[in-house]
């Protein structure tokens, strides 16, 4: 009896995490075209889903890596290392 109850609680928790995480993720995806902070809401939805689903954790790691690369590229362009990619910035120095 106790095993059945534990299994039911585990499945209910996964279902609740799925519904809440998917709702947040869908709201974030809608915010790509609607006004709102999609850049904040989408990773939040993935973080909620990542508490129960490994695919969401992997996707969140990819998003973090992409955001880090974007920051590195931005820093390189500000320091002049990426000036060849932005020819209009040469006149500003």
C-alpha atoms as a PDB file:
ATOM      1  CA  UNK A   1       0.000   0.000   0.000  1.00  0.00           C
ATOM      2  CA  UNK A   2       2.811   2.397   0.890  1.00  0.00           C
ATOM      3  CA  UNK A   3       4.607   1.664  -2.405  1.00  0.00           C
ATOM      4  CA  UNK A   4       1.476   2.482  -4.380  1.00  0.00           C
ATOM      5  CA  UNK A   5       1.055   5.755  -2.499  1.00  0.00           C
ATOM      6  CA  UNK A   6       4.714   6.720  -3.064  1.00  0.00           C
ATOM      7  CA  UNK A   7       4.397   5.916  -6.759  1.00  0.00           C
ATOM      8  CA  UNK A   8       1.230   7.974  -7.064  1.00  0.00           C
ATOM      9  CA  UNK A   9       2.839  10.960  -5.326  1.00  0.00           C
ATOM     10  CA  UNK A  10       5.885  10.696  -7.596  1.00  0.00           C
ATOM     11  CA  UNK A  11       3.733  10.639 -10.741  1.00  0.00           C
ATOM     12  CA  UNK A  12       1.566  13.503  -9.469  1.00  0.00           C
ATOM     13  CA  UNK A  13       4.678  15.586  -8.807  1.00  0.00           C
ATOM     14  CA  UNK A  14       6.007  14.910 -12.315  1.00  0.00           C
ATOM     15  CA  UNK A  15       2.643  15.853 -13.803  1.00  0.00           C
ATOM     16  CA  UNK A  16       2.494  19.113 -11.831  1.00  0.00           C
ATOM     17  CA  UNK A  17       6.080  20.003 -12.822  1.00  0.00           C
ATOM     18  CA  UNK A  18       5.243  19.207 -16.449  1.00  0.00           C
ATOM     19  CA  UNK A  19       2.136  21.392 -16.493  1.00  0.00           C
ATOM     20  CA  UNK A  20       3.728  24.340 -14.653  1.00  0.00           C
ATOM     21  CA  UNK A  21       7.009  24.167 -16.582  1.00  0.00           C
ATOM     22  CA  UNK A  22       5.315  23.790 -19.962  1.00  0.00           C
ATOM     23  CA  UNK A  23       3.005  26.713 -19.193  1.00  0.00           C
ATOM     24  CA  UNK A  24       5.942  28.956 -18.274  1.00  0.00           C
ATOM     25  CA  UNK A  25       7.876  27.790 -21.332  1.00  0.00           C
ATOM     26  CA  UNK A  26       4.932  28.408 -23.672  1.00  0.00           C
ATOM     27  CA  UNK A  27       4.428  31.866 -22.174  1.00  0.00           C
ATOM     28  CA  UNK A  28       8.109  32.584 -22.810  1.00  0.00           C
ATOM     29  CA  UNK A  29       7.863  31.379 -26.390  1.00  0.00           C
ATOM     30  CA  UNK A  30       4.833  33.615 -26.904  1.00  0.00           C
ATOM     31  CA  UNK A  31       6.854  36.529 -25.521  1.00  0.00           C
ATOM     32  CA  UNK A  32       9.258  36.208 -28.435  1.00  0.00           C
ATOM     33  CA  UNK A  33       6.648  37.919 -30.612  1.00  0.00           C
ATOM     34  CA  UNK A  34       4.613  39.577 -27.847  1.00  0.00           C
ATOM     35  CA  UNK A  35       5.953  42.185 -25.431  1.00  0.00           C
ATOM     36  CA  UNK A  36       7.637  40.613 -22.450  1.00  0.00           C
ATOM     37  CA  UNK A  37      10.924  39.280 -21.076  1.00  0.00           C
ATOM     38  CA  UNK A  38      11.215  36.094 -23.161  1.00  0.00           C
ATOM     39  CA  UNK A  39      14.960  35.874 -22.452  1.00  0.00           C
ATOM     40  CA  UNK A  40      14.170  35.468 -18.757  1.00  0.00           C
ATOM     41  CA  UNK A  41      10.979  33.394 -18.923  1.00  0.00           C
ATOM     42  CA  UNK A  42      12.184  30.679 -21.325  1.00  0.00           C
ATOM     43  CA  UNK A  43      15.161  29.632 -19.152  1.00  0.00           C
ATOM     44  CA  UNK A  44      12.874  29.775 -16.104  1.00  0.00           C
ATOM     45  CA  UNK A  45      10.473  27.323 -17.758  1.00  0.00           C
ATOM     46  CA  UNK A  46      13.374  25.058 -18.693  1.00  0.00           C
ATOM     47  CA  UNK A  47      14.685  25.230 -15.124  1.00  0.00           C
ATOM     48  CA  UNK A  48      11.304  24.142 -13.755  1.00  0.00           C
ATOM     49  CA  UNK A  49      11.100  21.298 -16.266  1.00  0.00           C
ATOM     50  CA  UNK A  50      14.715  20.392 -15.545  1.00  0.00           C
ATOM     51  CA  UNK A  51      13.858  19.458 -11.978  1.00  0.00           C
ATOM     52  CA  UNK A  52      12.156  16.313 -13.308  1.00  0.00           C
ATOM     53  CA  UNK A  53      13.190  15.807 -16.938  1.00  0.00           C
ATOM     54  CA  UNK A  54      16.729  15.209 -18.176  1.00  0.00           C
ATOM     55  CA  UNK A  55      15.983  16.534 -21.696  1.00  0.00           C
ATOM     56  CA  UNK A  56      15.120  19.923 -20.196  1.00  0.00           C
ATOM     57  CA  UNK A  57      18.380  19.949 -18.194  1.00  0.00           C
ATOM     58  CA  UNK A  58      20.364  19.250 -21.354  1.00  0.00           C
ATOM     59  CA  UNK A  59      18.527  21.968 -23.264  1.00  0.00           C
ATOM     60  CA  UNK A  60      19.118  24.406 -20.397  1.00  0.00           C
ATOM     61  CA  UNK A  61      22.862  23.635 -20.527  1.00  0.00           C
ATOM     62  CA  UNK A  62      22.850  24.376 -24.257  1.00  0.00           C
ATOM     63  CA  UNK A  63      21.026  27.665 -23.664  1.00  0.00           C
ATOM     64  CA  UNK A  64      23.546  28.643 -20.961  1.00  0.00           C
ATOM     65  CA  UNK A  65      26.452  27.795 -23.256  1.00  0.00           C
ATOM     66  CA  UNK A  66      24.940  29.820 -26.100  1.00  0.00           C
ATOM     67  CA  UNK A  67      24.366  32.785 -23.808  1.00  0.00           C
ATOM     68  CA  UNK A  68      27.976  32.573 -22.620  1.00  0.00           C
ATOM     69  CA  UNK A  69      29.258  32.505 -26.198  1.00  0.00           C
ATOM     70  CA  UNK A  70      27.136  35.524 -27.031  1.00  0.00           C
ATOM     71  CA  UNK A  71      28.655  37.409 -24.101  1.00  0.00           C
ATOM     72  CA  UNK A  72      32.178  36.395 -25.140  1.00  0.00           C
ATOM     73  CA  UNK A  73      31.551  37.587 -28.701  1.00  0.00           C
ATOM     74  CA  UNK A  74      30.155  40.879 -27.415  1.00  0.00           C
ATOM     75  CA  UNK A  75      33.187  41.388 -25.174  1.00  0.00           C
ATOM     76  CA  UNK A  76      35.569  40.665 -28.059  1.00  0.00           C
ATOM     77  CA  UNK A  77      33.863  43.220 -30.272  1.00  0.00           C
ATOM     78  CA  UNK A  78      34.081  45.865 -27.535  1.00  0.00           C
ATOM     79  CA  UNK A  79      37.791  45.224 -27.008  1.00  0.00           C
ATOM     80  CA  UNK A  80      38.509  45.385 -30.728  1.00  0.00           C
ATOM     81  CA  UNK A  81      39.289  41.713 -31.251  1.00  0.00           C
ATOM     82  CA  UNK A  82      36.165  41.239 -33.352  1.00  0.00           C
ATOM     83  CA  UNK A  83      36.432  44.494 -35.323  1.00  0.00           C
ATOM     84  CA  UNK A  84      36.763  42.676 -38.657  1.00  0.00           C
ATOM     85  CA  UNK A  85      33.229  41.370 -38.245  1.00  0.00           C
ATOM     86  CA  UNK A  86      31.955  44.929 -37.709  1.00  0.00           C
ATOM     87  CA  UNK A  87      33.607  47.154 -40.332  1.00  0.00           C
ATOM     88  CA  UNK A  88      31.473  50.188 -39.428  1.00  0.00           C
ATOM     89  CA  UNK A  89      33.039  50.230 -35.956  1.00  0.00           C
ATOM     90  CA  UNK A  90      36.547  50.948 -37.245  1.00  0.00           C
ATOM     91  CA  UNK A  91      35.723  54.636 -37.601  1.00  0.00           C
ATOM     92  CA  UNK A  92      34.641  54.897 -33.984  1.00  0.00           C
ATOM     93  CA  UNK A  93      38.094  54.235 -32.532  1.00  0.00           C
END
